[in-house]
PDB file of N, CA and C in Angstrom:
ATOM      1  N   UNK A   1      34.511 124.595 111.299  1.00  0.00           N
ATOM      2  CA  UNK A   1      35.821 125.122 110.951  1.00  0.00           C
ATOM      3  C   UNK A   1      35.701 126.521 110.353  1.00  0.00           C
ATOM      4  N   UNK A   2      34.685 126.711 109.524  1.00  0.00           N
ATOM      5  CA  UNK A   2      34.478 128.016 108.913  1.00  0.00           C
ATOM      6  C   UNK A   2      34.160 129.069 109.977  1.00  0.00           C
ATOM      7  N   UNK A   3      33.424 128.676 111.000  1.00  0.00           N
ATOM      8  CA  UNK A   3      33.101 129.599 112.083  1.00  0.00           C
ATOM      9  C   UNK A   3      34.368 130.025 112.817  1.00  0.00           C
ATOM     10  N   UNK A   4      35.266 129.088 113.068  1.00  0.00           N
ATOM     11  CA  UNK A   4      36.530 129.403 113.727  1.00  0.00           C
ATOM     12  C   UNK A   4      37.372 130.343 112.875  1.00  0.00           C
ATOM     13  N   UNK A   5      37.379 130.122 111.576  1.00  0.00           N
ATOM     14  CA  UNK A   5      38.122 131.003 110.673  1.00  0.00           C
ATOM     15  C   UNK A   5      37.549 132.417 110.700  1.00  0.00           C
ATOM     16  N   UNK A   6      36.232 132.520 110.695  1.00  0.00           N
ATOM     17  CA  UNK A   6      35.598 133.835 110.711  1.00  0.00           C
ATOM     18  C   UNK A   6      35.889 134.574 112.014  1.00  0.00           C
ATOM     19  N   UNK A   7      36.001 133.848 113.098  1.00  0.00           N
ATOM     20  CA  UNK A   7      36.269 134.488 114.382  1.00  0.00           C
ATOM     21  C   UNK A   7      37.723 134.924 114.521  1.00  0.00           C
ATOM     22  N   UNK A   8      38.638 134.132 113.992  1.00  0.00           N
ATOM     23  CA  UNK A   8      40.059 134.396 114.195  1.00  0.00           C
ATOM     24  C   UNK A   8      40.715 135.187 113.071  1.00  0.00           C
ATOM     25  N   UNK A   9      40.142 135.184 111.907  1.00  0.00           N
ATOM     26  CA  UNK A   9      40.746 135.879 110.766  1.00  0.00           C
ATOM     27  C   UNK A   9      40.612 137.394 110.958  1.00  0.00           C
ATOM     28  N   UNK A  10      41.621 138.128 110.539  1.00  0.00           N
ATOM     29  CA  UNK A  10      41.509 139.590 110.641  1.00  0.00           C
ATOM     30  C   UNK A  10      40.407 140.096 109.721  1.00  0.00           C
ATOM     31  N   UNK A  11      39.643 141.014 110.230  1.00  0.00           N
ATOM     32  CA  UNK A  11      38.520 141.526 109.444  1.00  0.00           C
ATOM     33  C   UNK A  11      38.952 142.748 108.665  1.00  0.00           C
ATOM     34  N   UNK A  12      38.548 142.786 107.431  1.00  0.00           N
ATOM     35  CA  UNK A  12      38.875 143.904 106.547  1.00  0.00           C
ATOM     36  C   UNK A  12      37.917 145.072 106.753  1.00  0.00           C
ATOM     37  N   UNK A  13      36.745 144.805 107.267  1.00  0.00           N
ATOM     38  CA  UNK A  13      35.716 145.833 107.365  1.00  0.00           C
ATOM     39  C   UNK A  13      35.530 146.344 108.798  1.00  0.00           C
ATOM     40  N   UNK A  14      36.584 146.410 109.540  1.00  0.00           N
ATOM     41  CA  UNK A  14      36.478 146.889 110.914  1.00  0.00           C
ATOM     42  C   UNK A  14      36.152 148.374 110.921  1.00  0.00           C
ATOM     43  N   UNK A  15      35.438 148.768 111.931  1.00  0.00           N
ATOM     44  CA  UNK A  15      35.067 150.170 112.073  1.00  0.00           C
ATOM     45  C   UNK A  15      36.222 150.898 112.744  1.00  0.00           C
ATOM     46  N   UNK A  16      36.831 151.826 112.035  1.00  0.00           N
ATOM     47  CA  UNK A  16      37.999 152.534 112.557  1.00  0.00           C
ATOM     48  C   UNK A  16      37.692 153.991 112.870  1.00  0.00           C
ATOM     49  N   UNK A  17      36.426 154.312 113.043  1.00  0.00           N
ATOM     50  CA  UNK A  17      36.082 155.704 113.333  1.00  0.00           C
ATOM     51  C   UNK A  17      36.648 156.148 114.670  1.00  0.00           C
ATOM     52  N   UNK A  18      36.641 155.278 115.658  1.00  0.00           N
ATOM     53  CA  UNK A  18      37.181 155.633 116.966  1.00  0.00           C
ATOM     54  C   UNK A  18      38.674 155.886 116.906  1.00  0.00           C
ATOM     55  N   UNK A  19      39.396 155.052 116.172  1.00  0.00           N
ATOM     56  CA  UNK A  19      40.842 155.233 116.039  1.00  0.00           C
ATOM     57  C   UNK A  19      41.151 156.523 115.298  1.00  0.00           C
ATOM     58  N   UNK A  20      40.375 156.843 114.289  1.00  0.00           N
ATOM     59  CA  UNK A  20      40.593 158.074 113.539  1.00  0.00           C
ATOM     60  C   UNK A  20      40.335 159.285 114.417  1.00  0.00           C
ATOM     61  N   UNK A  21      39.308 159.228 115.234  1.00  0.00           N
ATOM     62  CA  UNK A  21      39.010 160.338 116.140  1.00  0.00           C
ATOM     63  C   UNK A  21      40.145 160.537 117.136  1.00  0.00           C
ATOM     64  N   UNK A  22      40.706 159.459 117.626  1.00  0.00           N
ATOM     65  CA  UNK A  22      41.828 159.561 118.561  1.00  0.00           C
ATOM     66  C   UNK A  22      43.041 160.165 117.867  1.00  0.00           C
ATOM     67  N   UNK A  23      43.297 159.763 116.636  1.00  0.00           N
ATOM     68  CA  UNK A  23      44.437 160.318 115.900  1.00  0.00           C
ATOM     69  C   UNK A  23      44.270 161.812 115.672  1.00  0.00           C
ATOM     70  N   UNK A  24      43.073 162.231 115.284  1.00  0.00           N
ATOM     71  CA  UNK A  24      42.836 163.662 115.099  1.00  0.00           C
ATOM     72  C   UNK A  24      42.957 164.410 116.428  1.00  0.00           C
ATOM     73  N   UNK A  25      42.500 163.813 117.491  1.00  0.00           N
ATOM     74  CA  UNK A  25      42.630 164.434 118.809  1.00  0.00           C
ATOM     75  C   UNK A  25      44.083 164.614 119.206  1.00  0.00           C
ATOM     76  N   UNK A  26      44.907 163.616 118.926  1.00  0.00           N
ATOM     77  CA  UNK A  26      46.333 163.728 119.229  1.00  0.00           C
ATOM     78  C   UNK A  26      47.001 164.803 118.380  1.00  0.00           C
ATOM     79  N   UNK A  27      46.617 164.904 117.110  1.00  0.00           N
ATOM     80  CA  UNK A  27      47.194 165.947 116.253  1.00  0.00           C
ATOM     81  C   UNK A  27      46.805 167.336 116.751  1.00  0.00           C
ATOM     82  N   UNK A  28      45.553 167.510 117.153  1.00  0.00           N
ATOM     83  CA  UNK A  28      45.112 168.805 117.676  1.00  0.00           C
ATOM     84  C   UNK A  28      45.861 169.136 118.957  1.00  0.00           C
ATOM     85  N   UNK A  29      46.065 168.150 119.817  1.00  0.00           N
ATOM     86  CA  UNK A  29      46.800 168.385 121.056  1.00  0.00           C
ATOM     87  C   UNK A  29      48.245 168.779 120.776  1.00  0.00           C
ATOM     88  N   UNK A  30      48.885 168.118 119.815  1.00  0.00           N
ATOM     89  CA  UNK A  30      50.274 168.470 119.481  1.00  0.00           C
ATOM     90  C   UNK A  30      50.367 169.867 118.883  1.00  0.00           C
ATOM     91  N   UNK A  31      49.428 170.218 118.029  1.00  0.00           N
ATOM     92  CA  UNK A  31      49.431 171.558 117.445  1.00  0.00           C
ATOM     93  C   UNK A  31      49.225 172.604 118.534  1.00  0.00           C
ATOM     94  N   UNK A  32      48.336 172.334 119.477  1.00  0.00           N
ATOM     95  CA  UNK A  32      48.102 173.268 120.578  1.00  0.00           C
ATOM     96  C   UNK A  32      49.352 173.429 121.434  1.00  0.00           C
ATOM     97  N   UNK A  33      50.065 172.345 121.687  1.00  0.00           N
ATOM     98  CA  UNK A  33      51.298 172.421 122.477  1.00  0.00           C
ATOM     99  C   UNK A  33      52.340 173.255 121.752  1.00  0.00           C
ATOM    100  N   UNK A  34      52.462 173.082 120.444  1.00  0.00           N
ATOM    101  CA  UNK A  34      53.425 173.868 119.662  1.00  0.00           C
ATOM    102  C   UNK A  34      53.049 175.345 119.686  1.00  0.00           C
ATOM    103  N   UNK A  35      51.765 175.657 119.559  1.00  0.00           N
ATOM    104  CA  UNK A  35      51.332 177.057 119.581  1.00  0.00           C
ATOM    105  C   UNK A  35      51.600 177.680 120.942  1.00  0.00           C
ATOM    106  N   UNK A  36      51.251 176.990 122.007  1.00  0.00           N
ATOM    107  CA  UNK A  36      51.486 177.525 123.353  1.00  0.00           C
ATOM    108  C   UNK A  36      52.975 177.691 123.601  1.00  0.00           C
ATOM    109  N   UNK A  37      53.775 176.732 123.184  1.00  0.00           N
ATOM    110  CA  UNK A  37      55.226 176.850 123.346  1.00  0.00           C
ATOM    111  C   UNK A  37      55.800 178.003 122.554  1.00  0.00           C
ATOM    112  N   UNK A  38      55.334 178.188 121.330  1.00  0.00           N
ATOM    113  CA  UNK A  38      55.817 179.293 120.502  1.00  0.00           C
ATOM    114  C   UNK A  38      55.435 180.642 121.067  1.00  0.00           C
ATOM    115  N   UNK A  39      54.212 180.755 121.544  1.00  0.00           N
ATOM    116  CA  UNK A  39      53.772 182.029 122.119  1.00  0.00           C
ATOM    117  C   UNK A  39      54.538 182.330 123.396  1.00  0.00           C
ATOM    118  N   UNK A  40      54.758 181.330 124.226  1.00  0.00           N
ATOM    119  CA  UNK A  40      55.496 181.589 125.460  1.00  0.00           C
ATOM    120  C   UNK A  40      56.967 181.881 125.181  1.00  0.00           C
ATOM    121  N   UNK A  41      57.522 181.291 124.135  1.00  0.00           N
ATOM    122  CA  UNK A  41      58.930 181.518 123.815  1.00  0.00           C
ATOM    123  C   UNK A  41      59.138 182.858 123.113  1.00  0.00           C
ATOM    124  N   UNK A  42      58.276 183.177 122.154  1.00  0.00           N
ATOM    125  CA  UNK A  42      58.435 184.395 121.363  1.00  0.00           C
ATOM    126  C   UNK A  42      57.534 185.536 121.820  1.00  0.00           C
ATOM    127  N   UNK A  43      56.783 185.362 122.878  1.00  0.00           N
ATOM    128  CA  UNK A  43      55.794 186.353 123.291  1.00  0.00           C
ATOM    129  C   UNK A  43      56.362 187.736 123.529  1.00  0.00           C
ATOM    130  N   UNK A  44      57.394 187.841 124.347  1.00  0.00           N
ATOM    131  CA  UNK A  44      57.962 189.158 124.664  1.00  0.00           C
ATOM    132  C   UNK A  44      58.629 189.783 123.449  1.00  0.00           C
ATOM    133  N   UNK A  45      59.224 188.994 122.613  1.00  0.00           N
ATOM    134  CA  UNK A  45      59.846 189.531 121.401  1.00  0.00           C
ATOM    135  C   UNK A  45      58.795 190.132 120.473  1.00  0.00           C
ATOM    136  N   UNK A  46      57.662 189.472 120.366  1.00  0.00           N
ATOM    137  CA  UNK A  46      56.597 189.979 119.500  1.00  0.00           C
ATOM    138  C   UNK A  46      56.005 191.257 120.081  1.00  0.00           C
ATOM    139  N   UNK A  47      55.821 191.303 121.398  1.00  0.00           N
ATOM    140  CA  UNK A  47      55.302 192.520 122.034  1.00  0.00           C
ATOM    141  C   UNK A  47      56.259 193.672 121.799  1.00  0.00           C
ATOM    142  N   UNK A  48      57.545 193.447 121.977  1.00  0.00           N
ATOM    143  CA  UNK A  48      58.528 194.506 121.737  1.00  0.00           C
ATOM    144  C   UNK A  48      58.577 194.900 120.264  1.00  0.00           C
ATOM    145  N   UNK A  49      58.407 193.967 119.391  1.00  0.00           N
ATOM    146  CA  UNK A  49      58.429 194.250 117.958  1.00  0.00           C
ATOM    147  C   UNK A  49      57.319 195.220 117.569  1.00  0.00           C
ATOM    148  N   UNK A  50      56.143 195.068 118.165  1.00  0.00           N
ATOM    149  CA  UNK A  50      55.015 195.937 117.819  1.00  0.00           C
ATOM    150  C   UNK A  50      54.929 197.171 118.710  1.00  0.00           C
ATOM    151  N   UNK A  51      55.539 197.166 119.882  1.00  0.00           N
ATOM    152  CA  UNK A  51      55.440 198.337 120.753  1.00  0.00           C
ATOM    153  C   UNK A  51      56.366 199.461 120.300  1.00  0.00           C
ATOM    154  N   UNK A  52      57.476 199.149 119.679  1.00  0.00           N
ATOM    155  CA  UNK A  52      58.401 200.191 119.204  1.00  0.00           C
ATOM    156  C   UNK A  52      57.750 201.025 118.101  1.00  0.00           C
ATOM    157  N   UNK A  53      57.183 200.443 117.057  1.00  0.00           N
ATOM    158  CA  UNK A  53      56.527 201.279 116.038  1.00  0.00           C
ATOM    159  C   UNK A  53      55.274 201.978 116.560  1.00  0.00           C
ATOM    160  N   UNK A  54      54.587 201.386 117.533  1.00  0.00           N
ATOM    161  CA  UNK A  54      53.371 202.025 118.031  1.00  0.00           C
ATOM    162  C   UNK A  54      53.690 203.298 118.797  1.00  0.00           C
ATOM    163  N   UNK A  55      54.886 203.410 119.352  1.00  0.00           N
ATOM    164  CA  UNK A  55      55.283 204.639 120.038  1.00  0.00           C
ATOM    165  C   UNK A  55      55.432 205.804 119.083  1.00  0.00           C
ATOM    166  N   UNK A  56      55.704 205.546 117.845  1.00  0.00           N
ATOM    167  CA  UNK A  56      55.862 206.599 116.838  1.00  0.00           C
ATOM    168  C   UNK A  56      54.520 207.253 116.531  1.00  0.00           C
ATOM    169  N   UNK A  57      53.439 206.505 116.594  1.00  0.00           N
ATOM    170  CA  UNK A  57      52.126 207.006 116.194  1.00  0.00           C
ATOM    171  C   UNK A  57      51.334 207.620 117.336  1.00  0.00           C
ATOM    172  N   UNK A  58      51.875 207.683 118.547  1.00  0.00           N
ATOM    173  CA  UNK A  58      51.144 208.279 119.664  1.00  0.00           C
ATOM    174  C   UNK A  58      51.135 209.797 119.506  1.00  0.00           C
ATOM    175  N   UNK A  59      49.985 210.442 119.767  1.00  0.00           N
ATOM    176  CA  UNK A  59      49.921 211.905 119.616  1.00  0.00           C
ATOM    177  C   UNK A  59      50.645 212.656 120.716  1.00  0.00           C
TER     178      UNK A  59
END
């Protein structure tokens, strides 16, 4: 009976390193998607923002 309990009872000491790695991987992927989306959305505005002042400094 004790063997059956040990097999079926939830274990407190499970190794969760794989799950943690997957969670960090998903967070990195979401951050990358946000960065790519932001750059593609604001890209031309940022280029125009810096190109106007740079024209003042040309010799």
